[in-house]
Amino acid sequence: MISDKLFAQGYATDSILLKDNILRTLGYYHVFRHPLYIHEIHAFLQAEVSQTELQHTLDNMVREEHIFYAYNMYSLENSSRIFLKRLVGADMAAEKMMEARRCTALIASFPFVKAVCVSGSLSKGYADENSDIDFFIITTRQRLWICRTLLHIFKKFTFIVNRQHSFCMNYFIDESRLCLEEKNLFTATELATLVPVYNKQLHSRLLSENEDWIKGYFPNMEMGNNHFQTIGTKSIVRKPAEWLLNILWPERMNMVLMHLTDRLWRRKWKRKDYPMDDYEIAMKTKWYVSKQHPLNYQKKVLRLNNEETFRVAGLDL
């Protein structure tokens, strides 16, 4: 009888923990008013569980009105608008992804670009008329800042034809440092949802290098389970350009461009009166990484995710 009671208590505790994890998972995406399908909840849940058990718990939570269900999706908000918004956003994302492929073909033709992935909201299957196309780019070893500078000179010309939002190249990493330093829920989510568009093999290496700590957050996640068709590149200029740049003291040039960019960014950051404590995270500037996130969504999302209100349904953000 005692063992039965202990078993019942343990089961109740596990059930409460699972419900709490579900609320936290939905809460993370509630920041963006983004409902989730069951396979997405399962993938991003911070607790190991079978889909059958998850489905049973979700059904109970819907019945108890702790969460809400419509169009095969779950949300903390009881509003048809939020569900319809995602359905419409999915159709627009399909169109934007075709544009992203065309943009990737251009990006991949530049010197020292080794891999290109789509990130941001588009990588999560959502877009609207104001959505940027965000790119995560892997570069040749010790050529990151040369590569980034050339691409951002090109981006200046996209303003002329109002295409700047199609080329938001805000995260670059060096192929020799694929394991990221920032190991948190936000970074794990962004890495796990990257969509490889050019060089899927290097994208697979990126996931492999970070898999251990990502799985610590998402134990149910199937890493690299992405069947998006990647592209090749037929640039006839890239190889000659790389040869020329490789004879012009490239390592020294790389560091000069890094320090110059850092000085410019720090000046802008101070001019806008942003907290300098946030600079190193939002505008990471090292020889092996360039991150340009002036709005610092990482800090905002992680702060909201840690608030006690994420523990209860019907939270108001």
Protein backbone atom coordinates (compact mmCIF):
# COMPACT_ATOMS: atom_id res chain seq x y z
CA MET A 1 0.00 0.00 0.00
CA ILE A 2 2.84 2.40 0.88
CA SER A 3 4.66 1.64 -2.37
CA ASP A 4 1.41 2.26 -4.29
CA LYS A 5 1.09 5.65 -2.59
CA LEU A 6 4.69 6.54 -3.37
CA PHE A 7 4.16 5.48 -7.00
CA ALA A 8 1.03 7.63 -7.20
CA GLN A 9 2.87 10.59 -5.67
CA GLY A 10 5.76 10.13 -8.12
CA TYR A 11 3.37 9.93 -11.06
CA ALA A 12 1.57 13.09 -9.89
CA THR A 13 4.92 14.90 -9.53
CA ASP A 14 6.00 13.83 -13.03
CA SER A 15 2.65 14.97 -14.41
CA ILE A 16 3.00 18.40 -12.78
CA LEU A 17 6.56 18.74 -14.10
CA LEU A 18 5.44 17.79 -17.61
CA LYS A 19 2.61 20.33 -17.49
CA ASP A 20 5.05 22.96 -16.26
CA ASN A 21 7.42 22.15 -19.13
CA ILE A 22 4.60 22.38 -21.66
CA LEU A 23 3.62 25.80 -20.31
CA ARG A 24 7.24 26.95 -20.52
CA THR A 25 7.62 25.67 -24.09
CA LEU A 26 4.41 27.35 -25.22
CA GLY A 27 5.40 30.41 -23.19
CA TYR A 28 8.70 30.78 -25.03
CA TYR A 29 6.87 30.99 -28.38
CA HIS A 30 4.07 33.07 -26.88
CA VAL A 31 6.57 35.94 -26.82
CA PHE A 32 6.14 35.91 -30.61
CA ARG A 33 2.42 34.96 -30.49
CA HIS A 34 3.38 31.73 -32.24
CA PRO A 35 1.23 28.61 -31.50
CA LEU A 36 2.83 25.17 -31.86
CA TYR A 37 1.91 21.81 -33.36
CA ILE A 38 2.36 18.74 -31.16
CA HIS A 39 5.53 17.61 -32.96
CA GLU A 40 7.04 21.07 -32.30
CA ILE A 41 6.10 20.96 -28.61
CA HIS A 42 7.65 17.50 -28.41
CA ALA A 43 10.88 18.66 -30.10
CA PHE A 44 11.28 21.80 -27.95
CA LEU A 45 10.10 20.34 -24.66
CA GLN A 46 12.76 20.41 -21.95
CA ALA A 47 11.75 17.00 -20.65
CA GLU A 48 12.08 13.53 -22.16
CA VAL A 49 8.63 12.15 -22.93
CA SER A 50 6.86 9.97 -25.49
CA GLN A 51 4.48 11.57 -27.98
CA THR A 52 1.69 9.38 -26.60
CA GLU A 53 2.15 10.68 -23.05
CA LEU A 54 2.52 14.22 -24.35
CA GLN A 55 -0.73 13.94 -26.31
CA HIS A 56 -2.55 12.65 -23.23
CA THR A 57 -1.27 15.54 -21.10
CA LEU A 58 -2.08 18.12 -23.75
CA ASP A 59 -5.64 16.79 -24.00
CA ASN A 60 -6.06 17.15 -20.23
CA MET A 61 -4.64 20.67 -20.22
CA VAL A 62 -6.99 21.72 -23.02
CA ARG A 63 -9.92 20.19 -21.15
CA GLU A 64 -8.91 22.11 -18.01
CA GLU A 65 -8.43 25.29 -20.12
CA HIS A 66 -4.82 25.70 -19.05
CA ILE A 67 -3.97 25.86 -22.76
CA PHE A 68 -6.05 26.22 -25.93
CA TYR A 69 -6.32 24.18 -29.13
CA ALA A 70 -7.38 25.04 -32.69
CA TYR A 71 -6.30 24.07 -36.22
CA ASN A 72 -4.13 21.25 -34.75
CA MET A 73 -2.09 23.82 -32.79
CA TYR A 74 -1.74 24.72 -29.10
CA SER A 75 -1.35 28.12 -27.50
CA LEU A 76 -1.55 29.93 -24.17
CA GLU A 77 -3.92 32.45 -25.75
CA ASN A 78 -7.57 31.67 -26.46
CA SER A 79 -7.87 33.64 -29.68
CA SER A 80 -8.63 32.38 -33.17
CA ARG A 81 -6.61 35.29 -34.53
CA ILE A 82 -3.33 33.89 -33.22
CA PHE A 83 -3.94 30.52 -34.90
CA LEU A 84 -5.05 32.04 -38.21
CA LYS A 85 -2.03 34.34 -38.12
CA ARG A 86 0.29 31.35 -38.14
CA LEU A 87 -1.62 29.61 -40.95
CA VAL A 88 -1.38 32.71 -43.14
CA GLY A 89 2.26 33.16 -42.08
CA ALA A 90 3.09 29.63 -43.18
CA ASP A 91 1.87 30.35 -46.73
CA MET A 92 3.89 33.56 -46.86
CA ALA A 93 6.94 31.74 -45.46
CA ALA A 94 6.81 29.28 -48.38
CA GLU A 95 7.00 32.23 -50.79
CA LYS A 96 9.76 33.92 -48.78
CA MET A 97 11.78 30.71 -48.74
CA MET A 98 11.85 30.71 -52.55
CA GLU A 99 13.20 34.25 -52.38
CA ALA A 100 15.71 33.13 -49.73
CA ARG A 101 17.04 30.51 -52.15
CA ARG A 102 17.63 33.17 -54.81
CA CYS A 103 19.35 35.43 -52.26
CA THR A 104 21.48 32.50 -51.06
CA ALA A 105 22.72 31.88 -54.60
CA LEU A 106 24.08 35.44 -54.60
CA ILE A 107 25.57 35.21 -51.11
CA ALA A 108 27.23 31.87 -51.85
CA SER A 109 28.97 33.35 -54.89
CA PHE A 110 31.03 35.67 -52.66
CA PRO A 111 34.60 34.79 -51.59
CA PHE A 112 35.06 32.65 -48.48
CA VAL A 113 31.36 31.77 -47.97
CA LYS A 114 31.33 28.09 -46.96
CA ALA A 115 27.67 27.58 -45.90
CA VAL A 116 24.44 29.59 -45.76
CA CYS A 117 21.43 28.86 -43.53
CA VAL A 118 18.15 30.69 -43.05
CA SER A 119 17.45 31.72 -39.45
CA GLY A 120 14.92 33.88 -37.60
CA SER A 121 11.16 33.57 -37.98
CA LEU A 122 11.43 32.16 -41.51
CA SER A 123 13.37 29.15 -40.23
CA LYS A 124 10.38 28.41 -37.97
CA GLY A 125 7.93 28.44 -40.87
CA TYR A 126 6.50 31.92 -40.38
CA ALA A 127 6.68 35.20 -42.30
CA ASP A 128 4.56 38.31 -42.81
CA GLU A 129 4.81 41.34 -45.07
CA ASN A 130 7.36 42.97 -42.72
CA SER A 131 9.57 39.91 -42.19
CA ASP A 132 13.27 40.10 -42.97
CA ILE A 133 15.14 37.18 -44.47
CA ASP A 134 17.82 36.41 -41.86
CA PHE A 135 20.96 34.46 -42.73
CA PHE A 136 23.47 32.52 -40.65
CA ILE A 137 26.74 32.23 -42.60
CA ILE A 138 29.79 30.01 -42.08
CA THR A 139 33.03 31.31 -43.56
CA THR A 140 36.46 30.00 -44.49
CA ARG A 141 38.95 29.81 -41.61
CA GLN A 142 40.42 33.22 -40.70
CA ARG A 143 38.55 34.96 -43.50
CA LEU A 144 35.31 35.84 -41.66
CA TRP A 145 35.75 39.61 -41.58
CA ILE A 146 36.91 39.82 -45.20
CA CYS A 147 33.85 37.80 -46.21
CA ARG A 148 31.49 39.83 -44.03
CA THR A 149 32.86 43.18 -45.25
CA LEU A 150 32.45 42.25 -48.92
CA LEU A 151 28.89 41.04 -48.32
CA HIS A 152 27.93 44.18 -46.43
CA ILE A 153 29.38 46.42 -49.13
CA PHE A 154 27.10 44.51 -51.50
CA LYS A 155 24.19 45.02 -49.10
CA LYS A 156 24.64 48.81 -49.32
CA PHE A 157 23.64 48.56 -52.99
CA THR A 158 20.49 46.59 -52.12
CA PHE A 159 19.09 49.74 -50.49
CA ILE A 160 18.92 51.32 -53.95
CA VAL A 161 16.37 48.73 -55.09
CA ASN A 162 14.71 48.38 -51.65
CA ARG A 163 15.93 44.79 -51.22
CA GLN A 164 17.91 45.31 -48.01
CA HIS A 165 15.41 43.28 -45.95
CA SER A 166 16.13 40.24 -48.13
CA PHE A 167 19.80 40.22 -47.11
CA CYS A 168 19.89 40.40 -43.29
CA MET A 169 23.27 38.72 -42.79
CA ASN A 170 23.54 39.17 -39.04
CA TYR A 171 25.44 36.09 -37.84
CA PHE A 172 28.78 34.82 -39.18
CA ILE A 173 30.99 32.11 -37.73
CA ASP A 174 34.39 30.74 -38.72
CA GLU A 175 34.42 27.12 -39.92
CA SER A 176 37.18 26.34 -37.39
CA ARG A 177 34.99 27.35 -34.39
CA LEU A 178 31.63 25.70 -35.00
CA CYS A 179 30.87 25.09 -31.31
CA LEU A 180 29.18 28.27 -30.08
CA GLU A 181 30.17 29.90 -26.81
CA GLU A 182 26.67 31.03 -25.81
CA LYS A 183 24.93 27.91 -24.58
CA ASN A 184 21.45 29.01 -23.58
CA LEU A 185 17.83 28.31 -24.51
CA PHE A 186 17.68 31.08 -27.11
CA THR A 187 20.85 29.99 -28.93
CA ALA A 188 19.82 26.32 -28.75
CA THR A 189 16.47 27.18 -30.37
CA GLU A 190 18.04 29.26 -33.12
CA LEU A 191 20.68 26.62 -33.93
CA ALA A 192 18.22 23.74 -33.92
CA THR A 193 15.85 25.54 -36.31
CA LEU A 194 18.43 26.69 -38.88
CA VAL A 195 17.45 25.73 -42.43
CA PRO A 196 20.50 24.83 -44.56
CA VAL A 197 20.25 26.32 -48.05
CA TYR A 198 23.87 26.03 -49.19
CA ASN A 199 26.29 23.29 -48.05
CA LYS A 200 24.17 20.94 -45.96
CA GLN A 201 27.27 18.91 -45.01
CA LEU A 202 28.80 21.84 -43.14
CA HIS A 203 25.45 22.54 -41.50
CA SER A 204 25.46 18.92 -40.28
CA ARG A 205 28.94 19.47 -38.81
CA LEU A 206 27.65 22.60 -37.06
CA LEU A 207 24.84 20.63 -35.43
CA SER A 208 27.18 17.78 -34.52
CA GLU A 209 29.60 20.18 -32.78
CA ASN A 210 26.76 21.62 -30.69
CA GLU A 211 24.54 18.56 -30.32
CA ASP A 212 25.52 17.60 -26.76
CA TRP A 213 24.50 20.88 -25.14
CA ILE A 214 21.47 21.43 -27.42
CA LYS A 215 20.14 17.98 -26.44
CA GLY A 216 20.54 19.09 -22.83
CA TYR A 217 17.77 21.59 -23.53
CA PHE A 218 15.77 19.51 -26.02
CA PRO A 219 16.16 15.78 -25.19
CA ASN A 220 13.43 14.77 -27.69
CA MET A 221 14.96 16.73 -30.59
CA GLU A 222 15.96 14.82 -33.74
CA MET A 223 18.97 16.83 -34.85
CA GLY A 224 19.36 17.60 -38.55
CA ASN A 225 15.90 16.29 -39.39
CA ASN A 226 15.55 18.77 -42.26
CA HIS A 227 14.79 17.75 -45.84
CA PHE A 228 14.97 21.19 -47.44
CA GLN A 229 16.62 21.05 -50.86
CA THR A 230 19.98 22.86 -50.84
CA ILE A 231 21.51 24.70 -53.79
CA GLY A 232 24.89 24.71 -55.51
CA THR A 233 26.83 27.71 -56.79
CA LYS A 234 28.28 28.32 -60.25
CA SER A 235 30.18 31.56 -59.62
CA ILE A 236 33.08 32.05 -62.07
CA VAL A 237 34.38 35.04 -60.07
CA ARG A 238 34.66 33.48 -56.62
CA LYS A 239 37.80 31.38 -57.07
CA PRO A 240 39.86 34.13 -58.79
CA ALA A 241 38.70 36.61 -56.12
CA GLU A 242 39.73 34.23 -53.33
CA TRP A 243 43.12 33.67 -54.98
CA LEU A 244 43.72 37.42 -55.19
CA LEU A 245 42.62 38.08 -51.60
CA ASN A 246 44.74 35.17 -50.33
CA ILE A 247 47.95 36.83 -51.55
CA LEU A 248 47.16 40.19 -49.89
CA TRP A 249 48.09 39.32 -46.27
CA PRO A 250 44.55 38.00 -45.57
CA GLU A 251 45.03 37.20 -41.85
CA ARG A 252 46.22 40.75 -41.17
CA MET A 253 43.44 42.21 -43.34
CA ASN A 254 40.90 40.07 -41.49
CA MET A 255 41.95 41.48 -38.10
CA VAL A 256 42.09 45.06 -39.36
CA LEU A 257 38.54 44.80 -40.68
CA MET A 258 37.37 43.25 -37.40
CA HIS A 259 38.82 46.08 -35.27
CA LEU A 260 37.51 48.73 -37.65
CA THR A 261 33.99 47.26 -37.54
CA ASP A 262 34.11 46.98 -33.75
CA ARG A 263 35.05 50.66 -33.40
CA LEU A 264 32.22 51.74 -35.71
CA TRP A 265 29.68 49.56 -33.89
CA ARG A 266 30.75 50.81 -30.44
CA ARG A 267 30.42 54.40 -31.61
CA LYS A 268 26.88 53.79 -32.90
CA TRP A 269 25.97 51.87 -29.74
CA LYS A 270 27.04 54.77 -27.51
CA ARG A 271 25.33 57.30 -29.76
CA LYS A 272 22.02 55.43 -29.38
CA ASP A 273 22.60 55.30 -25.61
CA TYR A 274 22.22 51.51 -25.41
CA PRO A 275 23.60 49.82 -22.25
CA MET A 276 27.27 49.01 -22.84
CA ASP A 277 26.89 45.87 -20.70
CA ASP A 278 24.76 44.40 -23.50
CA TYR A 279 27.22 45.16 -26.29
CA GLU A 280 29.39 42.04 -26.01
CA ILE A 281 26.35 39.76 -26.35
CA ALA A 282 24.27 41.72 -28.88
CA MET A 283 27.20 42.77 -31.10
CA LYS A 284 29.71 39.98 -30.64
CA THR A 285 32.95 40.82 -32.43
CA LYS A 286 35.73 38.23 -32.38
CA TRP A 287 37.95 36.76 -35.09
CA TYR A 288 35.75 33.66 -35.24
CA VAL A 289 32.27 35.18 -34.81
CA SER A 290 30.29 38.25 -35.82
CA LYS A 291 26.83 38.73 -34.36
CA GLN A 292 24.86 41.89 -35.10
CA HIS A 293 21.64 41.90 -33.05
CA PRO A 294 21.18 45.53 -31.91
CA LEU A 295 17.64 44.83 -30.61
CA ASN A 296 19.11 42.07 -28.42
CA TYR A 297 16.17 39.66 -28.71
CA GLN A 298 18.20 37.07 -26.82
CA LYS A 299 18.11 39.11 -23.61
CA LYS A 300 14.42 39.99 -24.01
CA VAL A 301 13.26 36.44 -24.73
CA LEU A 302 15.34 34.83 -21.98
CA ARG A 303 14.13 37.42 -19.46
CA LEU A 304 10.50 36.80 -20.34
CA ASN A 305 11.03 33.05 -20.34
CA ASN A 306 12.39 33.17 -16.80
CA GLU A 307 9.51 35.19 -15.38
CA GLU A 308 7.16 33.44 -13.02
CA THR A 309 4.20 34.30 -15.26
CA PHE A 310 5.40 31.66 -17.74
CA ARG A 311 4.32 29.03 -15.20
CA VAL A 312 0.63 29.72 -15.56
CA ALA A 313 -1.75 29.64 -18.49
CA GLY A 314 -3.20 32.91 -19.67
CA LEU A 315 0.00 34.83 -19.04
CA ASP A 316 0.09 38.41 -20.26
CA LEU A 317 3.28 39.56 -21.92
